[in-house]
Amino acid sequence: MAQPPFPCFAWQSESSVDAKKLLQAFLEQRPSPQWVMVGDGCVQSNLQLWTAWMSASRRWIRKTSLARSIDAEFLRYLSGTHHVSEAFKRAGVRNKDNSGYVLFLPEASADEEEIDCQIVEYDSDAIELQAKEILAELELEVHPTDYALSKQGALRLGMKFEFEQETLTESALIGHILSSEFTS
């Protein structure tokens, strides 16, 4: 089943950012932990984002998450790691970044057996407006969100390639997310 577009908003800065200052300002501006900021190259496909969201939301609903907040659990999956601190290093904004993404993590509701979860409806127009307001406060330009597979971004997320000519596929990216259950 096709997923709707993930609430993902690309940003760009005229110069490299001071990651610590930017993240501190973002954390003060964001309305809730459902908002997360990631660095350049970390977002590569709609399916990648929904897979990380579903994995994190399932654990969050079951109260088996390894992180103390939904945004950190999401980053852990996005980065394909069992370690929250490693997830922040991989997917977080870095000092040399001049672009990245702000994401809204929709709330999830559990099914009757709490085996699976579903997206709680949200107003996508209101979320987009909120994202634009957050980015304006941070003095970042809203940039079109164009997904593209990037080996450099995959390496940043911790993916390993056997040989230089190996190509990145969306399936490999999804496998990397799912490997966070097994990778320490």
C-alpha atoms as a PDB file:
ATOM      1  CA  MET A   1       0.000   0.000   0.000  1.00  0.00           C
ATOM      2  CA  ALA A   2       1.384   3.400  -0.957  1.00  0.00           C
ATOM      3  CA  GLN A   3       2.028   5.805   1.866  1.00  0.00           C
ATOM      4  CA  PRO A   4       1.163   9.493   1.693  1.00  0.00           C
ATOM      5  CA  PRO A   5       4.035  11.952   1.452  1.00  0.00           C
ATOM      6  CA  PHE A   6       5.933  12.005   4.741  1.00  0.00           C
ATOM      7  CA  PRO A   7       5.776  15.419   6.472  1.00  0.00           C
ATOM      8  CA  CYS A   8       9.339  16.329   5.548  1.00  0.00           C
ATOM      9  CA  PHE A   9      10.586  19.845   4.919  1.00  0.00           C
ATOM     10  CA  ALA A  10      13.974  20.571   3.391  1.00  0.00           C
ATOM     11  CA  TRP A  11      15.968  23.579   4.508  1.00  0.00           C
ATOM     12  CA  GLN A  12      19.037  25.355   3.251  1.00  0.00           C
ATOM     13  CA  SER A  13      21.417  27.904   4.734  1.00  0.00           C
ATOM     14  CA  GLU A  14      23.593  30.359   2.847  1.00  0.00           C
ATOM     15  CA  SER A  15      26.611  29.156   4.818  1.00  0.00           C
ATOM     16  CA  SER A  16      27.592  26.203   6.965  1.00  0.00           C
ATOM     17  CA  VAL A  17      25.671  26.091  10.225  1.00  0.00           C
ATOM     18  CA  ASP A  18      26.888  26.003  13.811  1.00  0.00           C
ATOM     19  CA  ALA A  19      25.226  22.682  14.651  1.00  0.00           C
ATOM     20  CA  LYS A  20      25.090  23.179  18.411  1.00  0.00           C
ATOM     21  CA  LYS A  21      23.499  26.635  18.169  1.00  0.00           C
ATOM     22  CA  LEU A  22      21.075  25.562  15.460  1.00  0.00           C
ATOM     23  CA  LEU A  23      19.910  22.482  17.338  1.00  0.00           C
ATOM     24  CA  GLN A  24      19.534  24.401  20.585  1.00  0.00           C
ATOM     25  CA  ALA A  25      17.392  27.008  18.812  1.00  0.00           C
ATOM     26  CA  PHE A  26      15.395  24.260  17.076  1.00  0.00           C
ATOM     27  CA  LEU A  27      14.702  22.462  20.358  1.00  0.00           C
ATOM     28  CA  GLU A  28      13.459  25.735  21.857  1.00  0.00           C
ATOM     29  CA  GLN A  29      11.247  26.460  18.817  1.00  0.00           C
ATOM     30  CA  ARG A  30       9.702  23.081  18.138  1.00  0.00           C
ATOM     31  CA  PRO A  31       6.195  22.599  19.530  1.00  0.00           C
ATOM     32  CA  SER A  32       6.808  18.984  20.642  1.00  0.00           C
ATOM     33  CA  PRO A  33       9.204  16.020  20.403  1.00  0.00           C
ATOM     34  CA  GLN A  34       7.263  14.992  17.294  1.00  0.00           C
ATOM     35  CA  TRP A  35       9.493  17.419  15.401  1.00  0.00           C
ATOM     36  CA  VAL A  36      13.010  16.325  14.513  1.00  0.00           C
ATOM     37  CA  MET A  37      15.868  17.916  12.586  1.00  0.00           C
ATOM     38  CA  VAL A  38      18.297  15.827  10.541  1.00  0.00           C
ATOM     39  CA  GLY A  39      21.399  16.633   8.596  1.00  0.00           C
ATOM     40  CA  ASP A  40      22.299  16.787   4.954  1.00  0.00           C
ATOM     41  CA  GLY A  41      21.892  13.570   2.946  1.00  0.00           C
ATOM     42  CA  CYS A  42      20.059  11.651   5.685  1.00  0.00           C
ATOM     43  CA  VAL A  43      16.657  11.735   4.002  1.00  0.00           C
ATOM     44  CA  GLN A  44      16.551   9.794   0.746  1.00  0.00           C
ATOM     45  CA  SER A  45      13.056   8.448   0.149  1.00  0.00           C
ATOM     46  CA  ASN A  46       9.478   8.582   1.330  1.00  0.00           C
ATOM     47  CA  LEU A  47       9.551   4.826   2.024  1.00  0.00           C
ATOM     48  CA  GLN A  48      12.726   5.248   4.100  1.00  0.00           C
ATOM     49  CA  LEU A  49      10.984   7.797   6.330  1.00  0.00           C
ATOM     50  CA  TRP A  50       7.789   5.782   6.742  1.00  0.00           C
ATOM     51  CA  THR A  51       9.779   2.623   7.533  1.00  0.00           C
ATOM     52  CA  ALA A  52      11.778   4.401  10.246  1.00  0.00           C
ATOM     53  CA  TRP A  53       8.571   5.992  11.564  1.00  0.00           C
ATOM     54  CA  MET A  54       6.689   2.667  11.665  1.00  0.00           C
ATOM     55  CA  SER A  55       9.552   0.880  13.407  1.00  0.00           C
ATOM     56  CA  ALA A  56       9.989   3.629  15.995  1.00  0.00           C
ATOM     57  CA  SER A  57       6.242   4.039  16.552  1.00  0.00           C
ATOM     58  CA  ARG A  58       5.717   0.310  17.123  1.00  0.00           C
ATOM     59  CA  ARG A  59       8.402   0.257  19.799  1.00  0.00           C
ATOM     60  CA  TRP A  60       7.057   3.471  21.325  1.00  0.00           C
ATOM     61  CA  ILE A  61       3.511   2.091  21.559  1.00  0.00           C
ATOM     62  CA  ARG A  62       4.731  -1.210  23.013  1.00  0.00           C
ATOM     63  CA  LYS A  63       6.857   0.708  25.524  1.00  0.00           C
ATOM     64  CA  THR A  64       9.969  -1.159  24.365  1.00  0.00           C
ATOM     65  CA  SER A  65      11.799   1.782  22.818  1.00  0.00           C
ATOM     66  CA  LEU A  66      15.486   2.157  23.570  1.00  0.00           C
ATOM     67  CA  ALA A  67      15.297   5.959  23.469  1.00  0.00           C
ATOM     68  CA  ARG A  68      13.499   8.193  25.940  1.00  0.00           C
ATOM     69  CA  SER A  69      11.708  10.218  23.250  1.00  0.00           C
ATOM     70  CA  ILE A  70      10.006   9.400  19.968  1.00  0.00           C
ATOM     71  CA  ASP A  71      12.321  11.688  17.990  1.00  0.00           C
ATOM     72  CA  ALA A  72      15.420   9.903  19.307  1.00  0.00           C
ATOM     73  CA  GLU A  73      13.855   6.497  18.623  1.00  0.00           C
ATOM     74  CA  PHE A  74      13.095   7.607  15.065  1.00  0.00           C
ATOM     75  CA  LEU A  75      16.692   8.784  14.572  1.00  0.00           C
ATOM     76  CA  ARG A  76      17.946   5.461  15.919  1.00  0.00           C
ATOM     77  CA  TYR A  77      16.045   3.575  13.235  1.00  0.00           C
ATOM     78  CA  LEU A  78      16.893   6.060  10.503  1.00  0.00           C
ATOM     79  CA  SER A  79      20.569   5.536  11.373  1.00  0.00           C
ATOM     80  CA  GLY A  80      20.324   1.759  11.551  1.00  0.00           C
ATOM     81  CA  THR A  81      21.807   1.500  15.029  1.00  0.00           C
ATOM     82  CA  HIS A  82      20.935   0.161  18.441  1.00  0.00           C
ATOM     83  CA  HIS A  83      22.689   3.103  20.120  1.00  0.00           C
ATOM     84  CA  VAL A  84      20.891   6.406  20.554  1.00  0.00           C
ATOM     85  CA  SER A  85      24.102   8.422  20.897  1.00  0.00           C
ATOM     86  CA  GLU A  86      25.404   6.957  17.628  1.00  0.00           C
ATOM     87  CA  ALA A  87      22.115   7.879  15.927  1.00  0.00           C
ATOM     88  CA  PHE A  88      22.567  11.540  16.869  1.00  0.00           C
ATOM     89  CA  LYS A  89      26.127  11.490  15.502  1.00  0.00           C
ATOM     90  CA  ARG A  90      25.020   9.925  12.226  1.00  0.00           C
ATOM     91  CA  ALA A  91      21.739  11.656  11.418  1.00  0.00           C
ATOM     92  CA  GLY A  92      22.075  14.867  13.381  1.00  0.00           C
ATOM     93  CA  VAL A  93      23.014  18.215  11.908  1.00  0.00           C
ATOM     94  CA  ARG A  94      26.775  18.740  11.680  1.00  0.00           C
ATOM     95  CA  ASN A  95      28.849  21.921  11.627  1.00  0.00           C
ATOM     96  CA  LYS A  96      29.657  21.672   7.923  1.00  0.00           C
ATOM     97  CA  ASP A  97      26.031  21.154   6.875  1.00  0.00           C
ATOM     98  CA  ASN A  98      24.328  23.897   4.930  1.00  0.00           C
ATOM     99  CA  SER A  99      21.159  21.919   4.308  1.00  0.00           C
ATOM    100  CA  GLY A 100      19.011  19.313   5.985  1.00  0.00           C
ATOM    101  CA  TYR A 101      15.445  18.495   6.924  1.00  0.00           C
ATOM    102  CA  VAL A 102      12.833  19.168   9.549  1.00  0.00           C
ATOM    103  CA  LEU A 103      10.402  16.292   9.959  1.00  0.00           C
ATOM    104  CA  PHE A 104       7.093  15.975  11.733  1.00  0.00           C
ATOM    105  CA  LEU A 105       6.554  12.522  13.227  1.00  0.00           C
ATOM    106  CA  PRO A 106       2.807  11.838  13.156  1.00  0.00           C
ATOM    107  CA  GLU A 107       1.303  10.290  16.239  1.00  0.00           C
ATOM    108  CA  ALA A 108       0.548   6.592  16.065  1.00  0.00           C
ATOM    109  CA  SER A 109      -2.301   4.583  17.489  1.00  0.00           C
ATOM    110  CA  ALA A 110      -2.140   0.894  18.303  1.00  0.00           C
ATOM    111  CA  ASP A 111      -4.415  -1.764  16.942  1.00  0.00           C
ATOM    112  CA  GLU A 112      -6.353  -3.885  19.448  1.00  0.00           C
ATOM    113  CA  GLU A 113      -3.512  -6.343  20.037  1.00  0.00           C
ATOM    114  CA  GLU A 114      -0.871  -3.582  20.074  1.00  0.00           C
ATOM    115  CA  ILE A 115       0.951  -5.526  17.372  1.00  0.00           C
ATOM    116  CA  ASP A 116       0.825  -2.846  14.727  1.00  0.00           C
ATOM    117  CA  CYS A 117       0.243   0.878  14.619  1.00  0.00           C
ATOM    118  CA  GLN A 118      -1.520   3.328  12.381  1.00  0.00           C
ATOM    119  CA  ILE A 119      -1.075   6.996  11.606  1.00  0.00           C
ATOM    120  CA  VAL A 120      -3.288   9.298  13.636  1.00  0.00           C
ATOM    121  CA  GLU A 121      -4.760  11.789  11.186  1.00  0.00           C
ATOM    122  CA  TYR A 122      -3.161  15.213  11.149  1.00  0.00           C
ATOM    123  CA  ASP A 123      -3.708  18.410   9.225  1.00  0.00           C
ATOM    124  CA  SER A 124      -0.909  18.412   6.635  1.00  0.00           C
ATOM    125  CA  ASP A 125      -1.497  22.067   5.741  1.00  0.00           C
ATOM    126  CA  ALA A 126      -1.174  23.118   9.389  1.00  0.00           C
ATOM    127  CA  ILE A 127       1.981  21.010   9.760  1.00  0.00           C
ATOM    128  CA  GLU A 128       3.507  22.602   6.657  1.00  0.00           C
ATOM    129  CA  LEU A 129       2.712  26.069   7.999  1.00  0.00           C
ATOM    130  CA  GLN A 130       4.292  25.145  11.355  1.00  0.00           C
ATOM    131  CA  ALA A 131       7.402  23.831   9.605  1.00  0.00           C
ATOM    132  CA  LYS A 132       7.752  27.055   7.616  1.00  0.00           C
ATOM    133  CA  GLU A 133       7.379  29.097  10.809  1.00  0.00           C
ATOM    134  CA  ILE A 134      10.034  27.025  12.590  1.00  0.00           C
ATOM    135  CA  LEU A 135      12.443  27.384   9.678  1.00  0.00           C
ATOM    136  CA  ALA A 136      11.800  31.132   9.435  1.00  0.00           C
ATOM    137  CA  GLU A 137      12.550  31.532  13.156  1.00  0.00           C
ATOM    138  CA  LEU A 138      15.797  29.621  12.614  1.00  0.00           C
ATOM    139  CA  GLU A 139      16.619  31.878   9.643  1.00  0.00           C
ATOM    140  CA  LEU A 140      16.728  28.913   7.274  1.00  0.00           C
ATOM    141  CA  GLU A 141      15.347  28.905   3.753  1.00  0.00           C
ATOM    142  CA  VAL A 142      12.592  26.448   2.887  1.00  0.00           C
ATOM    143  CA  HIS A 143      13.862  24.332   0.020  1.00  0.00           C
ATOM    144  CA  PRO A 144      11.941  21.901  -2.221  1.00  0.00           C
ATOM    145  CA  THR A 145      12.060  18.361  -0.829  1.00  0.00           C
ATOM    146  CA  ASP A 146      13.492  16.246  -3.622  1.00  0.00           C
ATOM    147  CA  TYR A 147      14.302  12.689  -2.618  1.00  0.00           C
ATOM    148  CA  ALA A 148      17.368  11.095  -4.157  1.00  0.00           C
ATOM    149  CA  LEU A 149      19.375   8.058  -3.192  1.00  0.00           C
ATOM    150  CA  SER A 150      22.847   9.142  -2.141  1.00  0.00           C
ATOM    151  CA  LYS A 151      25.701   6.819  -1.343  1.00  0.00           C
ATOM    152  CA  GLN A 152      27.389   9.636   0.579  1.00  0.00           C
ATOM    153  CA  GLY A 153      24.234  10.119   2.684  1.00  0.00           C
ATOM    154  CA  ALA A 154      23.946   6.364   3.212  1.00  0.00           C
ATOM    155  CA  LEU A 155      27.541   6.237   4.433  1.00  0.00           C
ATOM    156  CA  ARG A 156      26.734   9.076   6.828  1.00  0.00           C
ATOM    157  CA  LEU A 157      23.853   6.988   8.188  1.00  0.00           C
ATOM    158  CA  GLY A 158      26.283   4.135   8.839  1.00  0.00           C
ATOM    159  CA  MET A 159      25.676   1.906   5.830  1.00  0.00           C
ATOM    160  CA  LYS A 160      28.609  -0.182   4.727  1.00  0.00           C
ATOM    161  CA  PHE A 161      29.395  -1.113   1.141  1.00  0.00           C
ATOM    162  CA  GLU A 162      31.435  -4.168   0.182  1.00  0.00           C
ATOM    163  CA  PHE A 163      33.082  -2.546  -2.815  1.00  0.00           C
ATOM    164  CA  GLU A 164      33.305   0.894  -4.365  1.00  0.00           C
ATOM    165  CA  GLN A 165      31.146   0.124  -7.415  1.00  0.00           C
ATOM    166  CA  GLU A 166      28.265  -1.193  -5.298  1.00  0.00           C
ATOM    167  CA  THR A 167      25.130   0.825  -5.933  1.00  0.00           C
ATOM    168  CA  LEU A 168      22.679   2.025  -3.330  1.00  0.00           C
ATOM    169  CA  THR A 169      19.086   0.818  -3.630  1.00  0.00           C
ATOM    170  CA  GLU A 170      16.018   1.794  -1.677  1.00  0.00           C
ATOM    171  CA  SER A 171      15.740  -1.832  -0.523  1.00  0.00           C
ATOM    172  CA  ALA A 172      19.252  -1.661   0.938  1.00  0.00           C
ATOM    173  CA  LEU A 173      18.335   1.572   2.712  1.00  0.00           C
ATOM    174  CA  ILE A 174      15.244  -0.088   4.211  1.00  0.00           C
ATOM    175  CA  GLY A 175      17.354  -3.078   5.240  1.00  0.00           C
ATOM    176  CA  HIS A 176      19.712  -0.690   7.009  1.00  0.00           C
ATOM    177  CA  ILE A 177      16.799   0.733   9.019  1.00  0.00           C
ATOM    178  CA  LEU A 178      15.567  -2.724   9.964  1.00  0.00           C
ATOM    179  CA  SER A 179      19.092  -3.786  10.925  1.00  0.00           C
ATOM    180  CA  SER A 180      18.913  -1.455  13.917  1.00  0.00           C
ATOM    181  CA  GLU A 181      17.098  -4.275  15.709  1.00  0.00           C
ATOM    182  CA  PHE A 182      20.195  -6.430  15.424  1.00  0.00           C
ATOM    183  CA  THR A 183      23.165  -4.081  15.120  1.00  0.00           C
ATOM    184  CA  SER A 184      24.957  -2.931  18.235  1.00  0.00           C
END
